[in-house]
Amino acid sequence: MLLYTAVVSHFMIEHHGGRLGVHLLSQTVGFVIIGYVLLNADVHAKVGGSVWLAIGVLILIVFRVARRSTELVPES
């Protein structure tokens, strides 16, 4: 769900692309589908997903504190 939110944010705030409606509609549909799946998921899947998210946030915090880049592609 965070991915869909990030894509909408990118196209609405940073990119200002011409096909905003298409991006907004497709991301909203995906968000709703994933939300439905998550609401109906088993408790173990919810706990596992939450732990995985927490690990990612912890890694992000460590990188930010160490002032390391979080970019996937290094700047040239």
PDB file of N, CA and C in Angstrom:
ATOM      1  N   MET A   1       0.826  -1.179   0.000  1.00  0.00           N
ATOM      2  CA  MET A   1       0.000   0.000   0.000  1.00  0.00           C
ATOM      3  C   MET A   1       0.879   1.255   0.000  1.00  0.00           C
ATOM      4  N   LEU A   2       2.030   1.152   0.650  1.00  0.00           N
ATOM      5  CA  LEU A   2       2.948   2.295   0.650  1.00  0.00           C
ATOM      6  C   LEU A   2       3.477   2.572  -0.758  1.00  0.00           C
ATOM      7  N   LEU A   3       3.670   1.517  -1.530  1.00  0.00           N
ATOM      8  CA  LEU A   3       4.152   1.687  -2.895  1.00  0.00           C
ATOM      9  C   LEU A   3       3.145   2.475  -3.725  1.00  0.00           C
ATOM     10  N   TYR A   4       1.883   2.123  -3.630  1.00  0.00           N
ATOM     11  CA  TYR A   4       0.860   2.844  -4.388  1.00  0.00           C
ATOM     12  C   TYR A   4       0.799   4.310  -3.962  1.00  0.00           C
ATOM     13  N   THR A   5       0.923   4.558  -2.677  1.00  0.00           N
ATOM     14  CA  THR A   5       0.926   5.934  -2.179  1.00  0.00           C
ATOM     15  C   THR A   5       2.138   6.698  -2.707  1.00  0.00           C
ATOM     16  N   ALA A   6       3.291   6.038  -2.749  1.00  0.00           N
ATOM     17  CA  ALA A   6       4.505   6.697  -3.244  1.00  0.00           C
ATOM     18  C   ALA A   6       4.399   7.038  -4.724  1.00  0.00           C
ATOM     19  N   VAL A   7       3.791   6.153  -5.510  1.00  0.00           N
ATOM     20  CA  VAL A   7       3.642   6.424  -6.947  1.00  0.00           C
ATOM     21  C   VAL A   7       2.719   7.620  -7.176  1.00  0.00           C
ATOM     22  N   VAL A   8       1.614   7.670  -6.461  1.00  0.00           N
ATOM     23  CA  VAL A   8       0.707   8.815  -6.591  1.00  0.00           C
ATOM     24  C   VAL A   8       1.418  10.089  -6.167  1.00  0.00           C
ATOM     25  N   SER A   9       2.162  10.027  -5.076  1.00  0.00           N
ATOM     26  CA  SER A   9       2.920  11.190  -4.613  1.00  0.00           C
ATOM     27  C   SER A   9       3.914  11.650  -5.668  1.00  0.00           C
ATOM     28  N   HIS A  10       4.605  10.700  -6.260  1.00  0.00           N
ATOM     29  CA  HIS A  10       5.609  11.040  -7.283  1.00  0.00           C
ATOM     30  C   HIS A  10       4.968  11.765  -8.466  1.00  0.00           C
ATOM     31  N   PHE A  11       3.879  11.230  -8.970  1.00  0.00           N
ATOM     32  CA  PHE A  11       3.274  11.831 -10.150  1.00  0.00           C
ATOM     33  C   PHE A  11       2.494  13.104  -9.849  1.00  0.00           C
ATOM     34  N   MET A  12       1.996  13.262  -8.627  1.00  0.00           N
ATOM     35  CA  MET A  12       1.227  14.466  -8.306  1.00  0.00           C
ATOM     36  C   MET A  12       2.132  15.607  -7.857  1.00  0.00           C
ATOM     37  N   ILE A  13       3.177  15.291  -7.120  1.00  0.00           N
ATOM     38  CA  ILE A  13       4.001  16.332  -6.515  1.00  0.00           C
ATOM     39  C   ILE A  13       5.271  16.592  -7.311  1.00  0.00           C
ATOM     40  N   GLU A  14       5.990  15.539  -7.668  1.00  0.00           N
ATOM     41  CA  GLU A  14       7.315  15.715  -8.257  1.00  0.00           C
ATOM     42  C   GLU A  14       7.319  15.725  -9.782  1.00  0.00           C
ATOM     43  N   HIS A  15       6.544  14.843 -10.387  1.00  0.00           N
ATOM     44  CA  HIS A  15       6.663  14.641 -11.828  1.00  0.00           C
ATOM     45  C   HIS A  15       5.772  15.575 -12.647  1.00  0.00           C
ATOM     46  N   HIS A  16       4.576  15.832 -12.180  1.00  0.00           N
ATOM     47  CA  HIS A  16       3.603  16.649 -12.901  1.00  0.00           C
ATOM     48  C   HIS A  16       3.400  16.126 -14.324  1.00  0.00           C
ATOM     49  N   GLY A  17       3.258  14.808 -14.463  1.00  0.00           N
ATOM     50  CA  GLY A  17       3.099  14.177 -15.769  1.00  0.00           C
ATOM     51  C   GLY A  17       1.751  14.472 -16.391  1.00  0.00           C
ATOM     52  N   GLY A  18       1.666  14.288 -17.691  1.00  0.00           N
ATOM     53  CA  GLY A  18       0.445  14.560 -18.426  1.00  0.00           C
ATOM     54  C   GLY A  18      -0.629  13.502 -18.233  1.00  0.00           C
ATOM     55  N   ARG A  19      -0.252  12.302 -17.824  1.00  0.00           N
ATOM     56  CA  ARG A  19      -1.210  11.209 -17.670  1.00  0.00           C
ATOM     57  C   ARG A  19      -1.539  10.974 -16.198  1.00  0.00           C
ATOM     58  N   LEU A  20      -1.762  12.037 -15.471  1.00  0.00           N
ATOM     59  CA  LEU A  20      -2.008  11.957 -14.043  1.00  0.00           C
ATOM     60  C   LEU A  20      -3.242  11.120 -13.735  1.00  0.00           C
ATOM     61  N   GLY A  21      -4.313  11.279 -14.519  1.00  0.00           N
ATOM     62  CA  GLY A  21      -5.549  10.534 -14.270  1.00  0.00           C
ATOM     63  C   GLY A  21      -5.359   9.039 -14.356  1.00  0.00           C
ATOM     64  N   VAL A  22      -4.590   8.592 -15.357  1.00  0.00           N
ATOM     65  CA  VAL A  22      -4.332   7.166 -15.515  1.00  0.00           C
ATOM     66  C   VAL A  22      -3.546   6.637 -14.323  1.00  0.00           C
ATOM     67  N   HIS A  23      -2.528   7.369 -13.911  1.00  0.00           N
ATOM     68  CA  HIS A  23      -1.717   6.937 -12.766  1.00  0.00           C
ATOM     69  C   HIS A  23      -2.551   6.935 -11.490  1.00  0.00           C
ATOM     70  N   LEU A  24      -3.350   7.937 -11.296  1.00  0.00           N
ATOM     71  CA  LEU A  24      -4.168   8.031 -10.092  1.00  0.00           C
ATOM     72  C   LEU A  24      -5.198   6.904 -10.054  1.00  0.00           C
ATOM     73  N   LEU A  25      -5.863   6.633 -11.168  1.00  0.00           N
ATOM     74  CA  LEU A  25      -6.884   5.590 -11.216  1.00  0.00           C
ATOM     75  C   LEU A  25      -6.277   4.210 -10.988  1.00  0.00           C
ATOM     76  N   SER A  26      -5.195   3.899 -11.691  1.00  0.00           N
ATOM     77  CA  SER A  26      -4.602   2.565 -11.560  1.00  0.00           C
ATOM     78  C   SER A  26      -4.034   2.342 -10.159  1.00  0.00           C
ATOM     79  N   GLN A  27      -3.453   3.357  -9.585  1.00  0.00           N
ATOM     80  CA  GLN A  27      -2.890   3.219  -8.243  1.00  0.00           C
ATOM     81  C   GLN A  27      -3.992   3.106  -7.195  1.00  0.00           C
ATOM     82  N   THR A  28      -5.100   3.789  -7.398  1.00  0.00           N
ATOM     83  CA  THR A  28      -6.221   3.694  -6.463  1.00  0.00           C
ATOM     84  C   THR A  28      -6.828   2.299  -6.496  1.00  0.00           C
ATOM     85  N   VAL A  29      -6.991   1.740  -7.689  1.00  0.00           N
ATOM     86  CA  VAL A  29      -7.518   0.378  -7.815  1.00  0.00           C
ATOM     87  C   VAL A  29      -6.575  -0.617  -7.132  1.00  0.00           C
ATOM     88  N   GLY A  30      -5.289  -0.496  -7.384  1.00  0.00           N
ATOM     89  CA  GLY A  30      -4.320  -1.373  -6.745  1.00  0.00           C
ATOM     90  C   GLY A  30      -4.334  -1.236  -5.237  1.00  0.00           C
ATOM     91  N   PHE A  31      -4.430  -0.021  -4.740  1.00  0.00           N
ATOM     92  CA  PHE A  31      -4.467   0.251  -3.302  1.00  0.00           C
ATOM     93  C   PHE A  31      -5.668  -0.440  -2.662  1.00  0.00           C
ATOM     94  N   VAL A  32      -6.828  -0.327  -3.301  1.00  0.00           N
ATOM     95  CA  VAL A  32      -8.050  -0.935  -2.763  1.00  0.00           C
ATOM     96  C   VAL A  32      -7.940  -2.460  -2.762  1.00  0.00           C
ATOM     97  N   ILE A  33      -7.414  -3.042  -3.836  1.00  0.00           N
ATOM     98  CA  ILE A  33      -7.266  -4.496  -3.910  1.00  0.00           C
ATOM     99  C   ILE A  33      -6.318  -5.003  -2.824  1.00  0.00           C
ATOM    100  N   ILE A  34      -5.164  -4.362  -2.696  1.00  0.00           N
ATOM    101  CA  ILE A  34      -4.205  -4.784  -1.678  1.00  0.00           C
ATOM    102  C   ILE A  34      -4.777  -4.566  -0.270  1.00  0.00           C
ATOM    103  N   GLY A  35      -5.496  -3.481  -0.079  1.00  0.00           N
ATOM    104  CA  GLY A  35      -6.132  -3.239   1.217  1.00  0.00           C
ATOM    105  C   GLY A  35      -7.115  -4.338   1.575  1.00  0.00           C
ATOM    106  N   TYR A  36      -7.905  -4.779   0.601  1.00  0.00           N
ATOM    107  CA  TYR A  36      -8.854  -5.871   0.814  1.00  0.00           C
ATOM    108  C   TYR A  36      -8.115  -7.162   1.174  1.00  0.00           C
ATOM    109  N   VAL A  37      -7.044  -7.447   0.439  1.00  0.00           N
ATOM    110  CA  VAL A  37      -6.256  -8.656   0.709  1.00  0.00           C
ATOM    111  C   VAL A  37      -5.656  -8.602   2.110  1.00  0.00           C
ATOM    112  N   LEU A  38      -5.119  -7.453   2.486  1.00  0.00           N
ATOM    113  CA  LEU A  38      -4.506  -7.326   3.812  1.00  0.00           C
ATOM    114  C   LEU A  38      -5.519  -7.456   4.941  1.00  0.00           C
ATOM    115  N   LEU A  39      -6.700  -6.894   4.740  1.00  0.00           N
ATOM    116  CA  LEU A  39      -7.731  -7.004   5.772  1.00  0.00           C
ATOM    117  C   LEU A  39      -8.165  -8.445   5.990  1.00  0.00           C
ATOM    118  N   ASN A  40      -8.137  -9.247   4.936  1.00  0.00           N
ATOM    119  CA  ASN A  40      -8.583 -10.634   5.029  1.00  0.00           C
ATOM    120  C   ASN A  40      -7.432 -11.628   5.192  1.00  0.00           C
ATOM    121  N   ALA A  41      -6.232 -11.142   5.394  1.00  0.00           N
ATOM    122  CA  ALA A  41      -5.072 -12.018   5.534  1.00  0.00           C
ATOM    123  C   ALA A  41      -5.061 -12.680   6.912  1.00  0.00           C
ATOM    124  N   ASP A  42      -4.359 -13.788   6.972  1.00  0.00           N
ATOM    125  CA  ASP A  42      -4.172 -14.503   8.224  1.00  0.00           C
ATOM    126  C   ASP A  42      -3.342 -13.647   9.183  1.00  0.00           C
ATOM    127  N   VAL A  43      -3.544 -13.853  10.470  1.00  0.00           N
ATOM    128  CA  VAL A  43      -2.820 -13.083  11.483  1.00  0.00           C
ATOM    129  C   VAL A  43      -1.310 -13.255  11.325  1.00  0.00           C
ATOM    130  N   HIS A  44      -0.861 -14.458  11.006  1.00  0.00           N
ATOM    131  CA  HIS A  44       0.574 -14.707  10.842  1.00  0.00           C
ATOM    132  C   HIS A  44       1.146 -13.895   9.675  1.00  0.00           C
ATOM    133  N   ALA A  45       0.376 -13.762   8.609  1.00  0.00           N
ATOM    134  CA  ALA A  45       0.825 -12.967   7.465  1.00  0.00           C
ATOM    135  C   ALA A  45       0.907 -11.485   7.838  1.00  0.00           C
ATOM    136  N   LYS A  46      -0.040 -11.018   8.618  1.00  0.00           N
ATOM    137  CA  LYS A  46      -0.024  -9.617   9.058  1.00  0.00           C
ATOM    138  C   LYS A  46       1.187  -9.340   9.949  1.00  0.00           C
ATOM    139  N   VAL A  47       1.469 -10.274  10.862  1.00  0.00           N
ATOM    140  CA  VAL A  47       2.626 -10.105  11.753  1.00  0.00           C
ATOM    141  C   VAL A  47       3.913 -10.145  10.940  1.00  0.00           C
ATOM    142  N   GLY A  48       4.019 -11.101  10.026  1.00  0.00           N
ATOM    143  CA  GLY A  48       5.214 -11.203   9.182  1.00  0.00           C
ATOM    144  C   GLY A  48       5.423  -9.957   8.339  1.00  0.00           C
ATOM    145  N   GLY A  49       4.353  -9.439   7.754  1.00  0.00           N
ATOM    146  CA  GLY A  49       4.462  -8.216   6.970  1.00  0.00           C
ATOM    147  C   GLY A  49       4.854  -7.018   7.814  1.00  0.00           C
ATOM    148  N   SER A  50       4.318  -6.937   9.015  1.00  0.00           N
ATOM    149  CA  SER A  50       4.659  -5.831   9.914  1.00  0.00           C
ATOM    150  C   SER A  50       6.123  -5.898  10.338  1.00  0.00           C
ATOM    151  N   VAL A  51       6.604  -7.097  10.611  1.00  0.00           N
ATOM    152  CA  VAL A  51       8.015  -7.271  10.976  1.00  0.00           C
ATOM    153  C   VAL A  51       8.908  -6.875   9.806  1.00  0.00           C
ATOM    154  N   TRP A  52       8.549  -7.302   8.599  1.00  0.00           N
ATOM    155  CA  TRP A  52       9.323  -6.977   7.401  1.00  0.00           C
ATOM    156  C   TRP A  52       9.364  -5.462   7.186  1.00  0.00           C
ATOM    157  N   LEU A  53       8.228  -4.789   7.369  1.00  0.00           N
ATOM    158  CA  LEU A  53       8.164  -3.333   7.248  1.00  0.00           C
ATOM    159  C   LEU A  53       9.034  -2.672   8.313  1.00  0.00           C
ATOM    160  N   ALA A  54       8.986  -3.167   9.544  1.00  0.00           N
ATOM    161  CA  ALA A  54       9.789  -2.592  10.626  1.00  0.00           C
ATOM    162  C   ALA A  54      11.280  -2.740  10.346  1.00  0.00           C
ATOM    163  N   ILE A  55      11.683  -3.882   9.790  1.00  0.00           N
ATOM    164  CA  ILE A  55      13.091  -4.072   9.437  1.00  0.00           C
ATOM    165  C   ILE A  55      13.513  -3.058   8.388  1.00  0.00           C
ATOM    166  N   GLY A  56      12.675  -2.841   7.388  1.00  0.00           N
ATOM    167  CA  GLY A  56      12.985  -1.859   6.351  1.00  0.00           C
ATOM    168  C   GLY A  56      13.099  -0.448   6.894  1.00  0.00           C
ATOM    169  N   VAL A  57      12.191  -0.082   7.788  1.00  0.00           N
ATOM    170  CA  VAL A  57      12.241   1.251   8.401  1.00  0.00           C
ATOM    171  C   VAL A  57      13.494   1.392   9.252  1.00  0.00           C
ATOM    172  N   LEU A  58      13.858   0.344   9.977  1.00  0.00           N
ATOM    173  CA  LEU A  58      15.071   0.370  10.790  1.00  0.00           C
ATOM    174  C   LEU A  58      16.315   0.556   9.923  1.00  0.00           C
ATOM    175  N   ILE A  59      16.383  -0.154   8.805  1.00  0.00           N
ATOM    176  CA  ILE A  59      17.516  -0.001   7.886  1.00  0.00           C
ATOM    177  C   ILE A  59      17.561   1.425   7.336  1.00  0.00           C
ATOM    178  N   LEU A  60      16.408   1.981   6.980  1.00  0.00           N
ATOM    179  CA  LEU A  60      16.356   3.368   6.492  1.00  0.00           C
ATOM    180  C   LEU A  60      16.875   4.337   7.549  1.00  0.00           C
ATOM    181  N   ILE A  61      16.467   4.151   8.786  1.00  0.00           N
ATOM    182  CA  ILE A  61      16.924   5.031   9.873  1.00  0.00           C
ATOM    183  C   ILE A  61      18.434   4.923  10.042  1.00  0.00           C
ATOM    184  N   VAL A  62      18.973   3.705  10.023  1.00  0.00           N
ATOM    185  CA  VAL A  62      20.417   3.515  10.161  1.00  0.00           C
ATOM    186  C   VAL A  62      21.150   4.223   9.030  1.00  0.00           C
ATOM    187  N   PHE A  63      20.661   4.088   7.808  1.00  0.00           N
ATOM    188  CA  PHE A  63      21.302   4.753   6.674  1.00  0.00           C
ATOM    189  C   PHE A  63      21.242   6.266   6.821  1.00  0.00           C
ATOM    190  N   ARG A  64      20.125   6.791   7.256  1.00  0.00           N
ATOM    191  CA  ARG A  64      19.995   8.245   7.409  1.00  0.00           C
ATOM    192  C   ARG A  64      20.900   8.772   8.511  1.00  0.00           C
ATOM    193  N   VAL A  65      20.975   8.053   9.620  1.00  0.00           N
ATOM    194  CA  VAL A  65      21.837   8.479  10.731  1.00  0.00           C
ATOM    195  C   VAL A  65      23.300   8.442  10.299  1.00  0.00           C
ATOM    196  N   ALA A  66      23.671   7.431   9.514  1.00  0.00           N
ATOM    197  CA  ALA A  66      25.052   7.303   9.035  1.00  0.00           C
ATOM    198  C   ALA A  66      25.321   8.200   7.820  1.00  0.00           C
ATOM    199  N   ARG A  67      24.298   8.928   7.389  1.00  0.00           N
ATOM    200  CA  ARG A  67      24.391   9.844   6.238  1.00  0.00           C
ATOM    201  C   ARG A  67      24.811   9.107   4.966  1.00  0.00           C
ATOM    202  N   ARG A  68      24.333   7.889   4.808  1.00  0.00           N
ATOM    203  CA  ARG A  68      24.592   7.114   3.600  1.00  0.00           C
ATOM    204  C   ARG A  68      23.413   7.279   2.652  1.00  0.00           C
ATOM    205  N   SER A  69      23.668   7.155   1.389  1.00  0.00           N
ATOM    206  CA  SER A  69      22.626   7.308   0.376  1.00  0.00           C
ATOM    207  C   SER A  69      21.677   6.126   0.409  1.00  0.00           C
ATOM    208  N   THR A  70      20.403   6.399   0.205  1.00  0.00           N
ATOM    209  CA  THR A  70      19.406   5.343   0.105  1.00  0.00           C
ATOM    210  C   THR A  70      18.973   5.137  -1.345  1.00  0.00           C
ATOM    211  N   GLU A  71      19.684   5.775  -2.277  1.00  0.00           N
ATOM    212  CA  GLU A  71      19.373   5.628  -3.699  1.00  0.00           C
ATOM    213  C   GLU A  71      19.771   4.255  -4.180  1.00  0.00           C
ATOM    214  N   LEU A  72      18.943   3.651  -5.041  1.00  0.00           N
ATOM    215  CA  LEU A  72      19.261   2.337  -5.596  1.00  0.00           C
ATOM    216  C   LEU A  72      20.333   2.426  -6.666  1.00  0.00           C
ATOM    217  N   VAL A  73      20.356   3.538  -7.392  1.00  0.00           N
ATOM    218  CA  VAL A  73      21.330   3.744  -8.452  1.00  0.00           C
ATOM    219  C   VAL A  73      22.274   4.860  -7.995  1.00  0.00           C
ATOM    220  N   PRO A  74      23.560   4.561  -7.859  1.00  0.00           N
ATOM    221  CA  PRO A  74      24.489   5.607  -7.386  1.00  0.00           C
ATOM    222  C   PRO A  74      24.594   6.741  -8.400  1.00  0.00           C
ATOM    223  N   GLU A  75      24.794   7.918  -7.879  1.00  0.00           N
ATOM    224  CA  GLU A  75      24.963   9.097  -8.746  1.00  0.00           C
ATOM    225  C   GLU A  75      26.293   9.001  -9.496  1.00  0.00           C
ATOM    226  N   SER A  76      26.267   9.428 -10.762  1.00  0.00           N
ATOM    227  CA  SER A  76      27.519   9.356 -11.545  1.00  0.00           C
ATOM    228  C   SER A  76      28.214  10.680 -11.600  1.00  0.00           C
TER     229      SER A  76
END
